[in-house]
N, C-alpha and C. Protein backbone atom coordinates (compact mmCIF):
# COMPACT_ATOMS: atom_id res chain seq x y z
N UNK A 1 5.64 47.71 95.39
CA UNK A 1 6.03 48.76 96.28
C UNK A 1 6.30 48.19 97.66
N UNK A 2 7.33 48.67 98.24
CA UNK A 2 7.65 48.25 99.58
C UNK A 2 7.33 49.37 100.54
N UNK A 3 6.98 49.02 101.75
CA UNK A 3 6.70 50.01 102.77
C UNK A 3 7.94 50.14 103.64
N UNK A 4 8.98 50.73 103.08
CA UNK A 4 10.26 50.87 103.76
C UNK A 4 10.33 52.26 104.35
N UNK A 5 9.95 52.39 105.62
CA UNK A 5 9.94 53.71 106.24
C UNK A 5 11.33 54.11 106.71
N UNK A 6 12.35 53.28 106.45
CA UNK A 6 13.70 53.65 106.84
C UNK A 6 14.34 54.60 105.85
N UNK A 7 13.73 54.75 104.68
CA UNK A 7 14.27 55.67 103.68
C UNK A 7 13.75 57.06 104.00
N UNK A 8 14.64 57.98 104.37
CA UNK A 8 14.17 59.31 104.74
C UNK A 8 13.74 60.10 103.53
N UNK A 9 12.73 60.89 103.70
CA UNK A 9 12.30 61.79 102.64
C UNK A 9 13.03 63.11 102.80
N UNK A 10 13.36 63.74 101.71
CA UNK A 10 14.07 65.00 101.79
C UNK A 10 13.13 66.10 102.26
N UNK A 11 13.67 67.15 102.91
CA UNK A 11 12.81 68.19 103.44
C UNK A 11 11.97 68.89 102.38
N UNK A 12 12.48 69.04 101.16
CA UNK A 12 11.73 69.70 100.11
C UNK A 12 10.89 68.75 99.28
N UNK A 13 10.80 67.50 99.70
CA UNK A 13 10.09 66.49 98.94
C UNK A 13 8.58 66.75 99.01
N UNK A 14 7.90 66.92 97.85
CA UNK A 14 6.47 67.19 97.90
C UNK A 14 5.66 66.00 98.38
N UNK A 15 6.26 64.82 98.46
CA UNK A 15 5.54 63.64 98.90
C UNK A 15 5.65 63.44 100.40
N UNK A 16 6.39 64.31 101.08
CA UNK A 16 6.50 64.23 102.52
C UNK A 16 5.21 64.74 103.12
N UNK A 17 4.62 63.95 104.01
CA UNK A 17 3.31 64.29 104.56
C UNK A 17 3.40 65.14 105.83
N UNK A 18 4.55 65.24 106.43
CA UNK A 18 4.71 65.99 107.67
C UNK A 18 5.79 65.34 108.50
N UNK A 19 5.75 65.57 109.79
CA UNK A 19 6.73 64.94 110.67
C UNK A 19 6.01 64.27 111.81
N UNK A 20 6.65 63.26 112.37
CA UNK A 20 6.08 62.54 113.50
C UNK A 20 7.19 62.32 114.52
N UNK A 21 6.83 62.41 115.77
CA UNK A 21 7.79 62.14 116.83
C UNK A 21 8.05 60.64 116.88
N UNK A 22 9.29 60.26 117.02
CA UNK A 22 9.66 58.87 117.10
C UNK A 22 10.11 58.60 118.53
N UNK A 23 9.41 57.70 119.21
CA UNK A 23 9.74 57.41 120.60
C UNK A 23 11.07 56.67 120.67
N UNK A 24 11.92 57.10 121.61
CA UNK A 24 13.20 56.43 121.83
C UNK A 24 14.21 56.68 120.73
N UNK A 25 14.03 57.72 119.95
CA UNK A 25 14.92 58.01 118.85
C UNK A 25 15.79 59.21 119.19
N UNK A 26 16.99 59.22 118.61
CA UNK A 26 17.89 60.34 118.83
C UNK A 26 17.43 61.57 118.07
N UNK A 27 16.72 61.37 116.97
CA UNK A 27 16.25 62.50 116.18
C UNK A 27 14.96 63.03 116.77
N UNK A 28 14.74 64.32 116.61
CA UNK A 28 13.53 64.93 117.13
C UNK A 28 12.29 64.47 116.37
N UNK A 29 12.41 64.41 115.09
CA UNK A 29 11.26 63.99 114.31
C UNK A 29 11.74 63.39 112.99
N UNK A 30 10.91 62.55 112.42
CA UNK A 30 11.22 61.96 111.12
C UNK A 30 10.08 62.30 110.17
N UNK A 31 10.39 62.57 108.92
CA UNK A 31 9.32 62.90 107.98
C UNK A 31 8.48 61.68 107.65
N UNK A 32 7.17 61.89 107.50
CA UNK A 32 6.28 60.84 107.05
C UNK A 32 6.21 60.91 105.54
N UNK A 33 6.08 59.76 104.88
CA UNK A 33 5.95 59.78 103.44
C UNK A 33 4.90 58.77 103.02
N UNK A 34 4.37 58.98 101.84
CA UNK A 34 3.32 58.12 101.32
C UNK A 34 3.90 56.73 101.07
N UNK A 35 3.25 55.68 101.55
CA UNK A 35 3.81 54.33 101.41
C UNK A 35 3.86 53.81 99.98
N UNK A 36 3.12 54.42 99.07
CA UNK A 36 3.09 53.92 97.69
C UNK A 36 4.15 54.57 96.81
N UNK A 37 4.92 55.50 97.34
CA UNK A 37 5.87 56.25 96.54
C UNK A 37 7.29 55.89 96.93
N UNK A 38 8.09 55.61 95.89
CA UNK A 38 9.51 55.33 96.11
C UNK A 38 10.26 56.66 96.20
N UNK A 39 11.17 56.77 97.15
CA UNK A 39 12.00 57.97 97.28
C UNK A 39 13.41 57.56 97.64
N UNK A 40 14.32 58.53 97.60
CA UNK A 40 15.69 58.30 98.04
C UNK A 40 16.39 57.20 97.28
N UNK A 41 16.94 56.24 98.03
CA UNK A 41 17.72 55.16 97.43
C UNK A 41 16.87 54.15 96.67
N UNK A 42 15.55 54.23 96.81
CA UNK A 42 14.67 53.32 96.08
C UNK A 42 14.59 53.70 94.59
N UNK A 43 14.96 54.94 94.25
CA UNK A 43 14.91 55.41 92.88
C UNK A 43 16.16 54.99 92.12
N UNK A 44 16.02 54.85 90.83
CA UNK A 44 17.19 54.56 90.00
C UNK A 44 18.01 55.84 89.84
N UNK A 45 19.24 55.68 89.39
CA UNK A 45 20.10 56.84 89.16
C UNK A 45 19.47 57.80 88.15
N UNK A 46 18.89 57.26 87.10
CA UNK A 46 18.25 58.08 86.08
C UNK A 46 17.06 58.87 86.63
N UNK A 47 16.26 58.23 87.50
CA UNK A 47 15.11 58.93 88.09
C UNK A 47 15.56 60.06 89.00
N UNK A 48 16.59 59.79 89.80
CA UNK A 48 17.12 60.84 90.69
C UNK A 48 17.69 61.99 89.86
N UNK A 49 18.42 61.67 88.79
CA UNK A 49 19.01 62.71 87.93
C UNK A 49 17.91 63.53 87.26
N UNK A 50 16.86 62.87 86.76
CA UNK A 50 15.76 63.59 86.11
C UNK A 50 15.07 64.53 87.09
N UNK A 51 14.88 64.07 88.33
CA UNK A 51 14.25 64.92 89.34
C UNK A 51 15.11 66.13 89.66
N UNK A 52 16.42 65.92 89.82
CA UNK A 52 17.31 67.05 90.14
C UNK A 52 17.38 68.04 88.99
N UNK A 53 17.49 67.54 87.75
CA UNK A 53 17.54 68.43 86.60
C UNK A 53 16.23 69.19 86.41
N UNK A 54 15.11 68.50 86.60
CA UNK A 54 13.81 69.16 86.47
C UNK A 54 13.68 70.26 87.52
N UNK A 55 14.06 69.95 88.75
CA UNK A 55 13.97 70.95 89.81
C UNK A 55 14.92 72.11 89.55
N UNK A 56 16.09 71.82 88.98
CA UNK A 56 17.05 72.88 88.68
C UNK A 56 16.60 73.75 87.53
N UNK A 57 16.12 73.12 86.45
CA UNK A 57 15.70 73.88 85.26
C UNK A 57 14.41 74.66 85.51
N UNK A 58 13.65 74.25 86.47
CA UNK A 58 12.41 74.95 86.77
C UNK A 58 12.56 75.94 87.90
N UNK A 59 13.75 76.52 88.04
CA UNK A 59 13.98 77.44 89.15
C UNK A 59 14.39 78.82 88.64
N UNK A 60 14.23 79.82 89.50
CA UNK A 60 14.66 81.17 89.15
C UNK A 60 16.17 81.25 89.04
N UNK A 61 16.87 80.44 89.80
CA UNK A 61 18.33 80.42 89.71
C UNK A 61 18.80 80.05 88.32
N UNK A 62 18.13 79.07 87.71
CA UNK A 62 18.49 78.68 86.34
C UNK A 62 18.21 79.81 85.36
N UNK A 63 17.06 80.46 85.52
CA UNK A 63 16.70 81.56 84.61
C UNK A 63 17.73 82.68 84.71
N UNK A 64 18.05 83.10 85.94
CA UNK A 64 19.01 84.19 86.11
C UNK A 64 20.41 83.77 85.66
N UNK A 65 20.78 82.52 85.93
CA UNK A 65 22.07 82.01 85.47
C UNK A 65 22.17 82.02 83.95
N UNK A 66 21.08 81.62 83.29
CA UNK A 66 21.06 81.61 81.82
C UNK A 66 21.17 83.04 81.28
N UNK A 67 20.48 83.98 81.92
CA UNK A 67 20.56 85.37 81.49
C UNK A 67 21.98 85.93 81.65
N UNK A 68 22.63 85.61 82.76
CA UNK A 68 24.01 86.06 82.98
C UNK A 68 24.94 85.43 81.95
N UNK A 69 24.76 84.13 81.67
CA UNK A 69 25.57 83.46 80.67
C UNK A 69 25.41 84.11 79.29
N UNK A 70 24.16 84.34 78.91
CA UNK A 70 23.89 84.95 77.59
C UNK A 70 24.48 86.36 77.50
N UNK A 71 24.29 87.16 78.55
CA UNK A 71 24.84 88.52 78.54
C UNK A 71 26.37 88.48 78.48
N UNK A 72 26.98 87.58 79.24
CA UNK A 72 28.43 87.44 79.22
C UNK A 72 28.94 87.01 77.86
N UNK A 73 28.26 86.07 77.24
CA UNK A 73 28.65 85.60 75.89
C UNK A 73 28.58 86.75 74.89
N UNK A 74 27.48 87.48 74.94
CA UNK A 74 27.30 88.57 73.97
C UNK A 74 28.30 89.70 74.21
N UNK A 75 28.53 90.02 75.47
CA UNK A 75 29.50 91.09 75.77
C UNK A 75 30.92 90.65 75.42
N UNK A 76 31.24 89.40 75.67
CA UNK A 76 32.58 88.89 75.39
C UNK A 76 32.87 88.70 73.91
N UNK A 77 31.84 88.60 73.11
CA UNK A 77 32.02 88.35 71.68
C UNK A 77 31.43 89.47 70.83
N UNK A 78 31.40 90.70 71.33
CA UNK A 78 30.80 91.83 70.59
C UNK A 78 31.39 91.98 69.19
N UNK A 79 32.61 92.46 69.14
CA UNK A 79 33.23 92.67 67.83
C UNK A 79 34.51 91.84 67.69
N UNK A 80 35.04 91.42 68.80
CA UNK A 80 36.21 90.52 68.77
C UNK A 80 35.83 89.26 69.51
N UNK A 81 36.41 88.19 69.21
CA UNK A 81 36.08 86.94 69.87
C UNK A 81 35.83 85.86 68.84
N UNK A 82 35.56 84.71 69.31
CA UNK A 82 35.42 83.56 68.40
C UNK A 82 34.01 83.43 67.84
N UNK A 83 33.01 84.12 68.41
CA UNK A 83 31.63 84.00 67.92
C UNK A 83 31.03 85.39 67.81
N UNK A 84 31.39 86.10 66.74
CA UNK A 84 30.92 87.47 66.55
C UNK A 84 29.44 87.47 66.20
N UNK A 85 28.84 88.67 66.33
CA UNK A 85 27.45 88.84 65.98
C UNK A 85 27.21 88.30 64.58
N UNK A 86 26.26 87.49 64.33
CA UNK A 86 24.98 87.15 64.95
C UNK A 86 25.03 85.94 65.89
N UNK A 87 26.17 85.63 66.46
CA UNK A 87 26.31 84.59 67.49
C UNK A 87 25.79 83.24 67.02
N UNK A 88 26.34 82.73 65.94
CA UNK A 88 25.90 81.46 65.37
C UNK A 88 26.20 80.30 66.31
N UNK A 89 27.38 80.30 66.93
CA UNK A 89 27.73 79.23 67.87
C UNK A 89 26.80 79.25 69.08
N UNK A 90 26.50 80.44 69.59
CA UNK A 90 25.56 80.56 70.71
C UNK A 90 24.19 80.00 70.31
N UNK A 91 23.74 80.29 69.11
CA UNK A 91 22.47 79.78 68.62
C UNK A 91 22.49 78.25 68.58
N UNK A 92 23.59 77.68 68.12
CA UNK A 92 23.73 76.22 68.08
C UNK A 92 23.68 75.63 69.49
N UNK A 93 24.40 76.25 70.40
CA UNK A 93 24.43 75.76 71.80
C UNK A 93 23.04 75.83 72.41
N UNK A 94 22.34 76.95 72.21
CA UNK A 94 20.99 77.09 72.77
C UNK A 94 20.01 76.10 72.15
N UNK A 95 20.16 75.81 70.86
CA UNK A 95 19.29 74.82 70.22
C UNK A 95 19.52 73.44 70.80
N UNK A 96 20.79 73.08 71.01
CA UNK A 96 21.11 71.78 71.62
C UNK A 96 20.59 71.72 73.05
N UNK A 97 20.74 72.81 73.79
CA UNK A 97 20.25 72.87 75.17
C UNK A 97 18.74 72.69 75.20
N UNK A 98 18.03 73.34 74.28
CA UNK A 98 16.57 73.22 74.22
C UNK A 98 16.15 71.77 73.91
N UNK A 99 16.88 71.13 73.01
CA UNK A 99 16.56 69.73 72.68
C UNK A 99 16.77 68.82 73.89
N UNK A 100 17.86 69.03 74.61
CA UNK A 100 18.14 68.21 75.80
C UNK A 100 17.13 68.51 76.91
N UNK A 101 16.78 69.77 77.08
CA UNK A 101 15.80 70.12 78.11
C UNK A 101 14.45 69.46 77.81
N UNK A 102 14.07 69.45 76.55
CA UNK A 102 12.81 68.81 76.19
C UNK A 102 12.80 67.34 76.56
N UNK A 103 13.90 66.65 76.25
CA UNK A 103 13.98 65.22 76.59
C UNK A 103 13.98 65.01 78.10
N UNK A 104 14.72 65.83 78.82
CA UNK A 104 14.78 65.68 80.28
C UNK A 104 13.42 65.96 80.90
N UNK A 105 12.73 66.99 80.42
CA UNK A 105 11.42 67.30 80.96
C UNK A 105 10.41 66.21 80.64
N UNK A 106 10.54 65.57 79.48
CA UNK A 106 9.65 64.44 79.18
C UNK A 106 9.92 63.26 80.11
N UNK A 107 11.18 63.01 80.42
CA UNK A 107 11.52 61.94 81.37
C UNK A 107 10.92 62.25 82.73
N UNK A 108 11.06 63.51 83.17
CA UNK A 108 10.51 63.90 84.47
C UNK A 108 8.98 63.81 84.46
N UNK A 109 8.35 64.19 83.35
CA UNK A 109 6.89 64.10 83.25
C UNK A 109 6.43 62.64 83.31
N UNK A 110 7.20 61.77 82.67
CA UNK A 110 6.88 60.34 82.71
C UNK A 110 6.96 59.83 84.14
N UNK A 111 7.95 60.30 84.88
CA UNK A 111 8.09 59.91 86.29
C UNK A 111 6.91 60.44 87.10
N UNK A 112 6.47 61.66 86.84
CA UNK A 112 5.31 62.21 87.54
C UNK A 112 4.06 61.38 87.23
N UNK A 113 3.92 60.94 85.98
CA UNK A 113 2.79 60.08 85.62
C UNK A 113 2.84 58.76 86.39
N UNK A 114 4.04 58.21 86.54
CA UNK A 114 4.19 56.95 87.28
C UNK A 114 3.83 57.16 88.75
N UNK A 115 4.23 58.30 89.31
CA UNK A 115 3.89 58.60 90.70
C UNK A 115 2.37 58.70 90.84
N UNK A 116 1.71 59.41 89.90
CA UNK A 116 0.25 59.54 89.95
C UNK A 116 -0.43 58.18 89.83
N UNK A 117 0.10 57.33 88.97
CA UNK A 117 -0.45 55.99 88.79
C UNK A 117 -0.29 55.17 90.07
N UNK A 118 0.89 55.25 90.70
CA UNK A 118 1.13 54.53 91.94
C UNK A 118 0.20 55.02 93.05
N UNK A 119 0.01 56.33 93.14
CA UNK A 119 -0.90 56.89 94.15
C UNK A 119 -2.33 56.42 93.90
N UNK A 120 -2.75 56.41 92.64
CA UNK A 120 -4.11 55.98 92.32
C UNK A 120 -4.30 54.50 92.66
N UNK A 121 -3.31 53.67 92.36
CA UNK A 121 -3.41 52.24 92.69
C UNK A 121 -3.47 52.03 94.20
N UNK A 122 -2.66 52.79 94.93
CA UNK A 122 -2.67 52.67 96.40
C UNK A 122 -4.01 53.14 96.96
N UNK A 123 -4.54 54.26 96.43
CA UNK A 123 -5.84 54.76 96.89
C UNK A 123 -6.95 53.75 96.59
N UNK A 124 -6.89 53.11 95.42
CA UNK A 124 -7.91 52.12 95.06
C UNK A 124 -7.84 50.93 96.02
N UNK A 125 -6.63 50.45 96.29
CA UNK A 125 -6.49 49.32 97.22
C UNK A 125 -6.99 49.69 98.61
N UNK A 126 -6.69 50.91 99.04
CA UNK A 126 -7.16 51.38 100.35
C UNK A 126 -8.68 51.46 100.36
N UNK A 127 -9.28 51.95 99.27
CA UNK A 127 -10.74 52.04 99.20
C UNK A 127 -11.39 50.66 99.23
N UNK A 128 -10.79 49.69 98.53
CA UNK A 128 -11.33 48.32 98.57
C UNK A 128 -11.27 47.75 99.98
N UNK A 129 -10.15 47.99 100.65
CA UNK A 129 -10.00 47.50 102.03
C UNK A 129 -11.02 48.17 102.95
N UNK A 130 -11.20 49.47 102.80
CA UNK A 130 -12.18 50.19 103.61
C UNK A 130 -13.59 49.70 103.32
N UNK A 131 -13.89 49.38 102.07
CA UNK A 131 -15.20 48.86 101.70
C UNK A 131 -15.46 47.53 102.39
N UNK A 132 -14.47 46.66 102.41
CA UNK A 132 -14.61 45.37 103.08
C UNK A 132 -14.83 45.55 104.58
N UNK A 133 -14.12 46.50 105.17
CA UNK A 133 -14.28 46.76 106.60
C UNK A 133 -15.68 47.28 106.90
N UNK A 134 -16.16 48.21 106.07
CA UNK A 134 -17.50 48.76 106.27
C UNK A 134 -18.55 47.67 106.12
N UNK A 135 -18.38 46.79 105.13
CA UNK A 135 -19.34 45.69 104.94
C UNK A 135 -19.33 44.74 106.14
N UNK A 136 -18.16 44.44 106.67
CA UNK A 136 -18.11 43.53 107.82
C UNK A 136 -18.70 44.19 109.07
N UNK A 137 -18.48 45.50 109.23
CA UNK A 137 -19.08 46.21 110.35
C UNK A 137 -20.60 46.23 110.19
N UNK A 138 -21.07 46.45 108.98
CA UNK A 138 -22.51 46.44 108.72
C UNK A 138 -23.11 45.08 109.04
N UNK A 139 -22.45 44.02 108.62
CA UNK A 139 -22.93 42.66 108.90
C UNK A 139 -22.95 42.40 110.40
N UNK A 140 -21.90 42.82 111.09
CA UNK A 140 -21.83 42.64 112.54
C UNK A 140 -22.94 43.43 113.23
N UNK A 141 -23.20 44.64 112.75
CA UNK A 141 -24.28 45.45 113.32
C UNK A 141 -25.63 44.77 113.12
N UNK A 142 -25.85 44.18 111.94
CA UNK A 142 -27.09 43.45 111.69
C UNK A 142 -27.23 42.28 112.66
N UNK A 143 -26.13 41.55 112.85
CA UNK A 143 -26.17 40.39 113.76
C UNK A 143 -26.45 40.82 115.20
N UNK A 144 -25.83 41.91 115.63
CA UNK A 144 -26.07 42.41 116.99
C UNK A 144 -27.52 42.87 117.12
N UNK A 145 -28.02 43.56 116.09
CA UNK A 145 -29.41 44.02 116.10
C UNK A 145 -30.36 42.83 116.17
N UNK A 146 -30.12 41.81 115.37
CA UNK A 146 -30.96 40.61 115.38
C UNK A 146 -30.88 39.91 116.73
N UNK A 147 -29.70 39.90 117.32
CA UNK A 147 -29.53 39.25 118.62
C UNK A 147 -30.30 39.99 119.70
N UNK A 148 -30.26 41.32 119.64
CA UNK A 148 -30.97 42.11 120.64
C UNK A 148 -32.47 41.95 120.46
N UNK A 149 -32.96 41.99 119.23
CA UNK A 149 -34.38 41.80 118.99
C UNK A 149 -34.81 40.38 119.36
N UNK A 150 -33.95 39.42 119.11
CA UNK A 150 -34.26 38.04 119.45
C UNK A 150 -34.30 37.83 120.95
N UNK A 151 -33.51 38.57 121.72
CA UNK A 151 -33.48 38.44 123.17
C UNK A 151 -34.78 38.94 123.78
N UNK A 152 -35.39 39.96 123.19
CA UNK A 152 -36.64 40.49 123.71
C UNK A 152 -37.81 39.58 123.42
N UNK A 153 -37.74 38.74 122.40
CA UNK A 153 -38.85 37.86 122.01
C UNK A 153 -38.79 36.49 122.69
N UNK A 154 -37.69 36.18 123.35
CA UNK A 154 -37.53 34.83 123.91
C UNK A 154 -38.48 34.63 125.09
N UNK A 155 -39.12 33.45 125.13
CA UNK A 155 -40.00 33.16 126.27
C UNK A 155 -39.19 33.05 127.55
N UNK A 156 -39.85 33.24 128.67
CA UNK A 156 -39.17 33.17 129.95
C UNK A 156 -38.62 31.77 130.19
N UNK A 157 -37.41 31.72 130.75
CA UNK A 157 -36.79 30.43 131.05
C UNK A 157 -35.90 29.95 129.94
N UNK A 158 -35.97 30.56 128.78
CA UNK A 158 -35.09 30.14 127.69
C UNK A 158 -33.98 31.17 127.52
N UNK A 159 -32.87 30.71 126.97
CA UNK A 159 -31.76 31.62 126.72
C UNK A 159 -32.09 32.47 125.50
N UNK A 160 -31.67 33.74 125.53
CA UNK A 160 -31.93 34.58 124.37
C UNK A 160 -31.16 34.08 123.15
N UNK A 161 -31.78 34.17 122.02
CA UNK A 161 -31.15 33.80 120.77
C UNK A 161 -31.26 32.32 120.46
N UNK A 162 -31.76 31.47 121.38
CA UNK A 162 -31.90 30.04 121.15
C UNK A 162 -33.38 29.72 121.02
N UNK A 163 -33.77 29.18 119.90
CA UNK A 163 -35.18 28.84 119.68
C UNK A 163 -35.29 27.38 119.31
N UNK A 164 -36.42 26.81 119.63
CA UNK A 164 -36.60 25.41 119.30
C UNK A 164 -37.35 25.21 118.02
């Protein structure tokens, strides 16, 4: 993973953490994004397509569009037309659409799993780094404490912390 903050996150991107003012910039604010997640041009064409299709198929616009399409098909093919009742061609089209939607949603789910895995790996690395920092601060605190206690025990005329 690269920490390329030059790739802008889209406004509707769920991985966008907020906005931050950029000093000396022409833009008012730039979106913050998680450093462990690839977005924008970092994604492959297939990943971008899967995200767009998943977002489109999971919307009310798609549902209403599908309902309008189905109603139009049925009204247009009532008793005259190329696909009369029981709408066998429509059934075939819907079956193919369902098969393709299933595959696309599996691709999108796989991408979500990869994002979760990347976030978990980044969180683990951050936790390890924080653990090391806490341990070094603890060690430094012990040394300062020992130094202070050692300074109070030193005989007069000797430097604190130096014993013979």
